[in-house]
Amino acid sequence: MQMNSILEEALNHRAVNHPYLIALRDGSFKRMDRAIHDFAAQYGFYSAWFPRYLTAVISGMENPEHRQHLISNLAEESGHLQEDDLEAVRQIGIKDEWVQGVPHPQLFRRFQNHMGVKDNKEPSIEVEIWRESFFKLVQSESVAESVGAIGLGTESIVKHIYQYIIEAIQKHTNLSQEQYVFFQLHTQVDDEHGLVLLDIAKQMSSKDKKNENDLRKGMLKALNLRAAFWDDMHARALKLDEEDASYAV
C-alpha cells in the first residue's frame, strides 16, 4: 500500500469527517453556545499535552535529520515561528504579535478565556483516556508507529478537522480572529508539519516493508482514539440539549 494511499485512508476516516464536527459546523445542536464551550473545555486537555507527545516521538528517533525536523516543530509549538510561516499566516490576516513568541497552549487558553472556560474546569474521563492512550502510543517501541500516529494520524489531518471548528466559531460565536487564532494558525503551520512527516514516513517505508505496516497501524490507532473522543463529545452535546429542554419545561 503506497504512502499516498495510506494518507487518503486517513483523510476519509470517520475521525476527520465525524457527525459531531459536522453538527458543530452546521449549528445542529439546540444550544450551540454550550456545545462550543464544552468543546473548548475538553479539547484543551488533549491539546495542552501536544508538546509532550512531540517530545516522546523525538526521544525515540535515531535518524538525526528526522529528529531535527521534529525539534523545529517543537520550537514552533513554543511560539517561535520562522519567517516563511509568518508570511503564510499574514496572508490570512493573522498579525505577528498575536502568535509570535506565544506558546500554542497559551493560544488555546486565549480561546478558552473568551469562551468563558474557567481555570478549575475538570477533564472528562473520555479526554483523560484519549490523551493518556495517545501519549502511550507515541512512546511506542516502534518509531514508525509513533510517526504514523503523530504524522499521518494527527498533523496531516488536523487542518481538515480545524476547518469545521473555525466555521462553527465564525457562525455561532462573536469571537474575533485574534481570539480563535489557534485554529487558523494550525491550518497553516500543521499543514507544513504534515508534509514534512509524510516525507519522513515515505523514507521509513522505503527502507523497510515492516515500517509501512507500523506507520499505518500507528495512524489508525490515533484516528480511532480521536473518533472515540468525538463520539463521546457528540453524546455530551446531545445531553446538554436534553438538559436544556428539561429546564425549559
C-alpha atoms as a PDB file:
ATOM      1  CA  MET A   1       0.000   0.000   0.000  1.00  0.00           C
ATOM      2  CA  GLN A   2       1.586   3.305  -1.120  1.00  0.00           C
ATOM      3  CA  MET A   3       2.019   6.102   1.425  1.00  0.00           C
ATOM      4  CA  ASN A   4      -0.271   8.447  -0.517  1.00  0.00           C
ATOM      5  CA  SER A   5      -2.994   5.796  -0.372  1.00  0.00           C
ATOM      6  CA  ILE A   6      -2.488   5.477   3.376  1.00  0.00           C
ATOM      7  CA  LEU A   7      -2.834   9.258   3.748  1.00  0.00           C
ATOM      8  CA  GLU A   8      -6.017   9.175   1.671  1.00  0.00           C
ATOM      9  CA  GLU A   9      -7.315   6.499   4.036  1.00  0.00           C
ATOM     10  CA  ALA A  10      -6.655   8.876   6.927  1.00  0.00           C
ATOM     11  CA  LEU A  11      -8.480  11.764   5.252  1.00  0.00           C
ATOM     12  CA  ASN A  12     -11.517   9.547   4.668  1.00  0.00           C
ATOM     13  CA  HIS A  13     -11.563   8.250   8.239  1.00  0.00           C
ATOM     14  CA  ARG A  14     -14.578   8.908  10.462  1.00  0.00           C
ATOM     15  CA  ALA A  15     -12.379  10.922  12.835  1.00  0.00           C
ATOM     16  CA  VAL A  16     -11.881  13.542  10.106  1.00  0.00           C
ATOM     17  CA  ASN A  17     -15.492  13.643   8.915  1.00  0.00           C
ATOM     18  CA  HIS A  18     -17.346  12.935  12.146  1.00  0.00           C
ATOM     19  CA  PRO A  19     -21.049  13.759  12.692  1.00  0.00           C
ATOM     20  CA  TYR A  20     -20.042  15.785  15.755  1.00  0.00           C
ATOM     21  CA  LEU A  21     -17.806  18.054  13.657  1.00  0.00           C
ATOM     22  CA  ILE A  22     -20.499  18.421  11.022  1.00  0.00           C
ATOM     23  CA  ALA A  23     -23.091  19.268  13.690  1.00  0.00           C
ATOM     24  CA  LEU A  24     -20.813  21.941  15.171  1.00  0.00           C
ATOM     25  CA  ARG A  25     -20.226  23.489  11.766  1.00  0.00           C
ATOM     26  CA  ASP A  26     -23.884  23.387  10.760  1.00  0.00           C
ATOM     27  CA  GLY A  27     -25.274  24.555  14.103  1.00  0.00           C
ATOM     28  CA  SER A  28     -27.322  21.404  14.597  1.00  0.00           C
ATOM     29  CA  PHE A  29     -27.253  21.486  18.391  1.00  0.00           C
ATOM     30  CA  LYS A  30     -30.004  23.428  20.126  1.00  0.00           C
ATOM     31  CA  ARG A  31     -27.529  25.129  22.431  1.00  0.00           C
ATOM     32  CA  MET A  32     -24.538  25.868  20.263  1.00  0.00           C
ATOM     33  CA  ASP A  33     -23.069  28.095  22.963  1.00  0.00           C
ATOM     34  CA  ARG A  34     -22.932  25.147  25.364  1.00  0.00           C
ATOM     35  CA  ALA A  35     -21.623  22.754  22.715  1.00  0.00           C
ATOM     36  CA  ILE A  36     -18.733  25.015  21.675  1.00  0.00           C
ATOM     37  CA  HIS A  37     -17.981  25.854  25.322  1.00  0.00           C
ATOM     38  CA  ASP A  38     -17.778  22.133  26.120  1.00  0.00           C
ATOM     39  CA  PHE A  39     -15.516  21.553  23.109  1.00  0.00           C
ATOM     40  CA  ALA A  40     -13.243  24.400  24.240  1.00  0.00           C
ATOM     41  CA  ALA A  41     -13.028  22.995  27.758  1.00  0.00           C
ATOM     42  CA  GLN A  42     -12.433  19.337  26.940  1.00  0.00           C
ATOM     43  CA  TYR A  43     -10.309  19.574  23.802  1.00  0.00           C
ATOM     44  CA  GLY A  44      -7.947  21.845  25.691  1.00  0.00           C
ATOM     45  CA  PHE A  45      -6.940  18.998  27.995  1.00  0.00           C
ATOM     46  CA  TYR A  46      -5.733  16.986  24.985  1.00  0.00           C
ATOM     47  CA  SER A  47      -4.186  19.935  23.154  1.00  0.00           C
ATOM     48  CA  ALA A  48      -2.158  21.096  26.167  1.00  0.00           C
ATOM     49  CA  TRP A  49      -0.223  17.831  26.086  1.00  0.00           C
ATOM     50  CA  PHE A  50       0.904  18.212  22.466  1.00  0.00           C
ATOM     51  CA  PRO A  51       4.480  19.267  23.319  1.00  0.00           C
ATOM     52  CA  ARG A  52       4.701  16.101  25.453  1.00  0.00           C
ATOM     53  CA  TYR A  53       3.526  13.933  22.550  1.00  0.00           C
ATOM     54  CA  LEU A  54       6.059  15.518  20.201  1.00  0.00           C
ATOM     55  CA  THR A  55       8.891  15.176  22.727  1.00  0.00           C
ATOM     56  CA  ALA A  56       8.066  11.478  23.159  1.00  0.00           C
ATOM     57  CA  VAL A  57       8.353  10.886  19.405  1.00  0.00           C
ATOM     58  CA  ILE A  58      11.621  12.839  19.209  1.00  0.00           C
ATOM     59  CA  SER A  59      13.149  10.837  22.063  1.00  0.00           C
ATOM     60  CA  GLY A  60      12.574   7.587  20.179  1.00  0.00           C
ATOM     61  CA  MET A  61      14.079   8.732  16.875  1.00  0.00           C
ATOM     62  CA  GLU A  62      17.518   7.590  15.761  1.00  0.00           C
ATOM     63  CA  ASN A  63      17.785   9.481  12.461  1.00  0.00           C
ATOM     64  CA  PRO A  64      19.350  12.918  13.253  1.00  0.00           C
ATOM     65  CA  GLU A  65      17.701  14.623  10.268  1.00  0.00           C
ATOM     66  CA  HIS A  66      14.262  13.326  11.192  1.00  0.00           C
ATOM     67  CA  ARG A  67      14.802  14.319  14.811  1.00  0.00           C
ATOM     68  CA  GLN A  68      15.796  17.855  13.779  1.00  0.00           C
ATOM     69  CA  HIS A  69      12.611  18.268  11.753  1.00  0.00           C
ATOM     70  CA  LEU A  70      10.523  17.453  14.821  1.00  0.00           C
ATOM     71  CA  ILE A  71      12.643  19.651  17.072  1.00  0.00           C
ATOM     72  CA  SER A  72      11.769  22.515  14.699  1.00  0.00           C
ATOM     73  CA  ASN A  73       8.090  21.584  15.096  1.00  0.00           C
ATOM     74  CA  LEU A  74       8.523  21.659  18.861  1.00  0.00           C
ATOM     75  CA  ALA A  75      10.082  25.134  18.651  1.00  0.00           C
ATOM     76  CA  GLU A  76       7.034  26.331  16.722  1.00  0.00           C
ATOM     77  CA  GLU A  77       4.777  24.856  19.390  1.00  0.00           C
ATOM     78  CA  SER A  78       6.660  27.132  21.805  1.00  0.00           C
ATOM     79  CA  GLY A  79       5.705  30.119  19.665  1.00  0.00           C
ATOM     80  CA  HIS A  80       8.890  30.544  17.617  1.00  0.00           C
ATOM     81  CA  LEU A  81       7.687  30.873  14.029  1.00  0.00           C
ATOM     82  CA  GLN A  82      10.041  31.073  11.068  1.00  0.00           C
ATOM     83  CA  GLU A  83       9.670  33.964   8.626  1.00  0.00           C
ATOM     84  CA  ASP A  84       8.114  31.768   5.922  1.00  0.00           C
ATOM     85  CA  ASP A  85       5.451  30.602   8.409  1.00  0.00           C
ATOM     86  CA  LEU A  86       4.782  34.197   9.451  1.00  0.00           C
ATOM     87  CA  GLU A  87       4.419  35.209   5.827  1.00  0.00           C
ATOM     88  CA  ALA A  88       1.915  32.396   5.262  1.00  0.00           C
ATOM     89  CA  VAL A  89      -0.262  33.346   8.230  1.00  0.00           C
ATOM     90  CA  ARG A  90      -0.129  37.039   7.345  1.00  0.00           C
ATOM     91  CA  GLN A  91      -1.882  36.112   4.113  1.00  0.00           C
ATOM     92  CA  ILE A  92      -4.988  35.096   6.100  1.00  0.00           C
ATOM     93  CA  GLY A  93      -4.986  38.183   8.294  1.00  0.00           C
ATOM     94  CA  ILE A  94      -3.038  36.908  11.322  1.00  0.00           C
ATOM     95  CA  LYS A  95      -0.824  39.588  12.866  1.00  0.00           C
ATOM     96  CA  ASP A  96       2.677  38.689  14.065  1.00  0.00           C
ATOM     97  CA  GLU A  97       2.048  39.942  17.592  1.00  0.00           C
ATOM     98  CA  TRP A  98      -0.926  37.605  18.024  1.00  0.00           C
ATOM     99  CA  VAL A  99       1.235  34.500  17.663  1.00  0.00           C
ATOM    100  CA  GLN A 100       4.971  35.183  17.614  1.00  0.00           C
ATOM    101  CA  GLY A 101       6.517  34.257  20.957  1.00  0.00           C
ATOM    102  CA  VAL A 102       3.240  32.875  22.290  1.00  0.00           C
ATOM    103  CA  PRO A 103       3.310  29.116  23.111  1.00  0.00           C
ATOM    104  CA  HIS A 104       0.431  27.284  21.469  1.00  0.00           C
ATOM    105  CA  PRO A 105      -1.105  26.128  24.775  1.00  0.00           C
ATOM    106  CA  GLN A 106      -1.424  29.829  25.644  1.00  0.00           C
ATOM    107  CA  LEU A 107      -3.146  30.484  22.322  1.00  0.00           C
ATOM    108  CA  PHE A 108      -5.663  27.778  23.138  1.00  0.00           C
ATOM    109  CA  ARG A 109      -6.095  29.224  26.613  1.00  0.00           C
ATOM    110  CA  ARG A 110      -6.857  32.596  24.988  1.00  0.00           C
ATOM    111  CA  PHE A 111      -9.668  30.907  23.055  1.00  0.00           C
ATOM    112  CA  GLN A 112     -10.933  29.241  26.234  1.00  0.00           C
ATOM    113  CA  ASN A 113     -10.903  32.521  28.156  1.00  0.00           C
ATOM    114  CA  HIS A 114     -13.083  34.195  25.556  1.00  0.00           C
ATOM    115  CA  MET A 115     -15.424  31.206  25.587  1.00  0.00           C
ATOM    116  CA  GLY A 116     -15.766  31.598  29.360  1.00  0.00           C
ATOM    117  CA  VAL A 117     -13.999  28.344  30.291  1.00  0.00           C
ATOM    118  CA  LYS A 118     -12.895  28.504  33.932  1.00  0.00           C
ATOM    119  CA  ASP A 119      -9.402  27.505  35.094  1.00  0.00           C
ATOM    120  CA  ASN A 120     -10.862  24.981  37.531  1.00  0.00           C
ATOM    121  CA  LYS A 121     -12.726  23.042  34.836  1.00  0.00           C
ATOM    122  CA  GLU A 122     -12.185  19.300  35.276  1.00  0.00           C
ATOM    123  CA  PRO A 123     -11.329  16.945  32.389  1.00  0.00           C
ATOM    124  CA  SER A 124     -13.904  14.368  31.455  1.00  0.00           C
ATOM    125  CA  ILE A 125     -12.832  10.754  31.781  1.00  0.00           C
ATOM    126  CA  GLU A 126     -13.127  10.482  27.983  1.00  0.00           C
ATOM    127  CA  VAL A 127     -10.482  13.133  27.325  1.00  0.00           C
ATOM    128  CA  GLU A 128      -8.240  11.627  30.020  1.00  0.00           C
ATOM    129  CA  ILE A 129      -8.483   8.269  28.243  1.00  0.00           C
ATOM    130  CA  TRP A 130      -7.693   9.900  24.891  1.00  0.00           C
ATOM    131  CA  ARG A 131      -4.639  11.874  25.948  1.00  0.00           C
ATOM    132  CA  GLU A 132      -3.173   9.108  28.106  1.00  0.00           C
ATOM    133  CA  SER A 133      -3.724   6.488  25.392  1.00  0.00           C
ATOM    134  CA  PHE A 134      -2.252   8.725  22.711  1.00  0.00           C
ATOM    135  CA  PHE A 135       0.761   9.506  24.886  1.00  0.00           C
ATOM    136  CA  LYS A 136       1.407   5.788  25.359  1.00  0.00           C
ATOM    137  CA  LEU A 137       1.003   5.284  21.610  1.00  0.00           C
ATOM    138  CA  VAL A 138       3.694   7.822  20.678  1.00  0.00           C
ATOM    139  CA  GLN A 139       6.016   6.212  23.227  1.00  0.00           C
ATOM    140  CA  SER A 140       5.807   3.018  21.164  1.00  0.00           C
ATOM    141  CA  GLU A 141       8.961   0.952  20.757  1.00  0.00           C
ATOM    142  CA  SER A 142       8.324   1.158  17.005  1.00  0.00           C
ATOM    143  CA  VAL A 143       9.442   4.576  15.771  1.00  0.00           C
ATOM    144  CA  ALA A 144       7.388   4.042  12.622  1.00  0.00           C
ATOM    145  CA  GLU A 145       4.232   3.511  14.665  1.00  0.00           C
ATOM    146  CA  SER A 146       4.796   6.702  16.651  1.00  0.00           C
ATOM    147  CA  VAL A 147       5.491   8.659  13.453  1.00  0.00           C
ATOM    148  CA  GLY A 148       2.331   7.207  11.915  1.00  0.00           C
ATOM    149  CA  ALA A 149       0.356   8.355  14.948  1.00  0.00           C
ATOM    150  CA  ILE A 150       1.630  11.916  15.207  1.00  0.00           C
ATOM    151  CA  GLY A 151       2.192  12.414  11.470  1.00  0.00           C
ATOM    152  CA  LEU A 152      -0.315  10.616   9.271  1.00  0.00           C
ATOM    153  CA  GLY A 153      -2.871  10.268  12.059  1.00  0.00           C
ATOM    154  CA  THR A 154      -2.581  13.778  13.510  1.00  0.00           C
ATOM    155  CA  GLU A 155      -0.567  16.543  11.812  1.00  0.00           C
ATOM    156  CA  SER A 156      -1.697  15.552   8.321  1.00  0.00           C
ATOM    157  CA  ILE A 157      -5.403  15.634   9.145  1.00  0.00           C
ATOM    158  CA  VAL A 158      -5.811  18.367  11.775  1.00  0.00           C
ATOM    159  CA  LYS A 159      -6.068  21.081   9.103  1.00  0.00           C
ATOM    160  CA  HIS A 160      -9.274  19.458   7.835  1.00  0.00           C
ATOM    161  CA  ILE A 161     -10.712  18.973  11.323  1.00  0.00           C
ATOM    162  CA  TYR A 162      -9.987  22.538  12.388  1.00  0.00           C
ATOM    163  CA  GLN A 163     -11.839  23.878   9.373  1.00  0.00           C
ATOM    164  CA  TYR A 164     -15.065  22.534  10.903  1.00  0.00           C
ATOM    165  CA  ILE A 165     -14.195  24.243  14.198  1.00  0.00           C
ATOM    166  CA  ILE A 166     -13.321  27.547  12.540  1.00  0.00           C
ATOM    167  CA  GLU A 167     -16.642  27.603  10.695  1.00  0.00           C
ATOM    168  CA  ALA A 168     -18.503  26.752  13.915  1.00  0.00           C
ATOM    169  CA  ILE A 169     -16.809  29.618  15.761  1.00  0.00           C
ATOM    170  CA  GLN A 170     -17.378  32.075  12.928  1.00  0.00           C
ATOM    171  CA  LYS A 171     -21.057  31.175  12.531  1.00  0.00           C
ATOM    172  CA  HIS A 172     -22.099  30.635  16.135  1.00  0.00           C
ATOM    173  CA  THR A 173     -19.951  32.930  18.316  1.00  0.00           C
ATOM    174  CA  ASN A 174     -18.886  36.577  18.332  1.00  0.00           C
ATOM    175  CA  LEU A 175     -15.195  35.821  18.787  1.00  0.00           C
ATOM    176  CA  SER A 176     -12.650  37.866  16.843  1.00  0.00           C
ATOM    177  CA  GLN A 177      -9.964  36.300  14.672  1.00  0.00           C
ATOM    178  CA  GLU A 178      -7.338  37.023  17.312  1.00  0.00           C
ATOM    179  CA  GLN A 179      -9.383  35.177  19.923  1.00  0.00           C
ATOM    180  CA  TYR A 180      -9.594  31.931  17.920  1.00  0.00           C
ATOM    181  CA  VAL A 181      -6.273  32.331  16.075  1.00  0.00           C
ATOM    182  CA  PHE A 182      -5.059  28.974  17.488  1.00  0.00           C
ATOM    183  CA  PHE A 183      -7.116  27.107  14.895  1.00  0.00           C
ATOM    184  CA  GLN A 184      -6.289  29.268  11.875  1.00  0.00           C
ATOM    185  CA  LEU A 185      -2.598  29.176  12.756  1.00  0.00           C
ATOM    186  CA  HIS A 186      -2.672  25.396  12.838  1.00  0.00           C
ATOM    187  CA  THR A 187      -4.412  25.073   9.479  1.00  0.00           C
ATOM    188  CA  GLN A 188      -1.320  26.775   8.028  1.00  0.00           C
ATOM    189  CA  VAL A 189       1.594  25.564  10.165  1.00  0.00           C
ATOM    190  CA  ASP A 190       0.396  21.997  10.735  1.00  0.00           C
ATOM    191  CA  ASP A 191      -0.117  21.571   7.003  1.00  0.00           C
ATOM    192  CA  GLU A 192       3.630  22.089   6.555  1.00  0.00           C
ATOM    193  CA  HIS A 193       4.364  19.794   9.510  1.00  0.00           C
ATOM    194  CA  GLY A 194       2.166  17.152   7.923  1.00  0.00           C
ATOM    195  CA  LEU A 195       4.104  17.339   4.658  1.00  0.00           C
ATOM    196  CA  VAL A 196       7.422  17.000   6.491  1.00  0.00           C
ATOM    197  CA  LEU A 197       6.174  13.999   8.470  1.00  0.00           C
ATOM    198  CA  LEU A 198       4.728  12.456   5.301  1.00  0.00           C
ATOM    199  CA  ASP A 199       8.178  12.701   3.715  1.00  0.00           C
ATOM    200  CA  ILE A 200       9.718  11.071   6.795  1.00  0.00           C
ATOM    201  CA  ALA A 201       7.096   8.312   6.592  1.00  0.00           C
ATOM    202  CA  LYS A 202       7.918   7.730   2.911  1.00  0.00           C
ATOM    203  CA  GLN A 203      11.628   7.450   3.720  1.00  0.00           C
ATOM    204  CA  MET A 204      10.946   4.997   6.527  1.00  0.00           C
ATOM    205  CA  SER A 205       8.603   2.935   4.385  1.00  0.00           C
ATOM    206  CA  SER A 206      11.091   2.679   1.512  1.00  0.00           C
ATOM    207  CA  LYS A 207      13.735   1.229   3.841  1.00  0.00           C
ATOM    208  CA  ASP A 208      11.662  -1.495   5.463  1.00  0.00           C
ATOM    209  CA  LYS A 209       8.300  -3.017   4.498  1.00  0.00           C
ATOM    210  CA  LYS A 210       7.506  -3.554   8.190  1.00  0.00           C
ATOM    211  CA  ASN A 211       7.752   0.192   8.699  1.00  0.00           C
ATOM    212  CA  GLU A 212       4.900   0.729   6.258  1.00  0.00           C
ATOM    213  CA  ASN A 213       2.664  -1.571   8.283  1.00  0.00           C
ATOM    214  CA  ASP A 214       3.683   0.111  11.546  1.00  0.00           C
ATOM    215  CA  LEU A 215       3.106   3.576  10.097  1.00  0.00           C
ATOM    216  CA  ARG A 216      -0.417   2.626   9.054  1.00  0.00           C
ATOM    217  CA  LYS A 217      -1.070   0.909  12.376  1.00  0.00           C
ATOM    218  CA  GLY A 218       0.016   3.981  14.358  1.00  0.00           C
ATOM    219  CA  MET A 219      -2.097   6.196  12.112  1.00  0.00           C
ATOM    220  CA  LEU A 220      -5.223   4.099  12.561  1.00  0.00           C
ATOM    221  CA  LYS A 221      -4.749   3.855  16.320  1.00  0.00           C
ATOM    222  CA  ALA A 222      -4.510   7.663  16.547  1.00  0.00           C
ATOM    223  CA  LEU A 223      -7.561   8.160  14.330  1.00  0.00           C
ATOM    224  CA  ASN A 224      -9.621   5.588  16.208  1.00  0.00           C
ATOM    225  CA  LEU A 225      -8.786   7.265  19.529  1.00  0.00           C
ATOM    226  CA  ARG A 226      -9.869  10.632  18.129  1.00  0.00           C
ATOM    227  CA  ALA A 227     -13.073   9.189  16.667  1.00  0.00           C
ATOM    228  CA  ALA A 228     -13.956   7.644  20.040  1.00  0.00           C
ATOM    229  CA  PHE A 229     -13.473  11.049  21.665  1.00  0.00           C
ATOM    230  CA  TRP A 230     -15.728  12.695  19.059  1.00  0.00           C
ATOM    231  CA  ASP A 231     -18.362  10.020  19.784  1.00  0.00           C
ATOM    232  CA  ASP A 232     -18.282  10.975  23.451  1.00  0.00           C
ATOM    233  CA  MET A 233     -18.359  14.702  22.722  1.00  0.00           C
ATOM    234  CA  HIS A 234     -21.326  14.236  20.405  1.00  0.00           C
ATOM    235  CA  ALA A 235     -23.200  12.390  23.156  1.00  0.00           C
ATOM    236  CA  ARG A 236     -22.308  15.142  25.638  1.00  0.00           C
ATOM    237  CA  ALA A 237     -23.625  17.857  23.309  1.00  0.00           C
ATOM    238  CA  LEU A 238     -26.904  15.991  22.773  1.00  0.00           C
ATOM    239  CA  LYS A 239     -27.241  15.532  26.523  1.00  0.00           C
ATOM    240  CA  LEU A 240     -26.749  19.283  27.039  1.00  0.00           C
ATOM    241  CA  ASP A 241     -29.618  19.853  24.593  1.00  0.00           C
ATOM    242  CA  GLU A 242     -31.825  17.446  26.532  1.00  0.00           C
ATOM    243  CA  GLU A 243     -30.985  19.124  29.838  1.00  0.00           C
ATOM    244  CA  ASP A 244     -31.863  22.495  28.377  1.00  0.00           C
ATOM    245  CA  ALA A 245     -35.206  21.165  27.112  1.00  0.00           C
ATOM    246  CA  SER A 246     -35.992  19.706  30.541  1.00  0.00           C
ATOM    247  CA  TYR A 247     -35.163  23.006  32.193  1.00  0.00           C
ATOM    248  CA  ALA A 248     -37.401  24.900  29.764  1.00  0.00           C
ATOM    249  CA  VAL A 249     -40.364  22.680  30.695  1.00  0.00           C
END
